[in-house]
Amino acid sequence: MTTSLQVRDVPDDVSRVLKARAARAGKSLSEYVLGELVEMARRPTLADVLDELESRPVTRLNVSAADLIRAGRDERDRRIAEALDRADRPAGAPTANGDDVL
């Protein structure tokens, strides 16, 4: 089942933008606006997202946010250093920790 919808008093500049977008998309204005409305209806509103978040139980961590960020940055730095080490090392040469790379 479908419903007709009429929008009144659309500002001229808004109408021009929508018509131009519809033309670029190869659609009629009605087809274009309907597609936009469908997409808008599918996305949750900010209020919906906040309600969902508030309904979830609170999670307590045994580590501070600063410690988590530091650990993540340390891991990132370690991976970058390893990648740079591999890039600078001739093929078949041992790694910094003594392991051979095939």
Foldseek 3Di string as FASTA:
>chain_A
DDDDDDDPDDDPVNVVVLCVVCVVVVHHSVVSVVVVVVVVVVDDDPVVVVVVVVPDDDDDDPDDPVVVVVVVVVVVVVVVVQVVQVVPDPQQDAGPVRHTDD
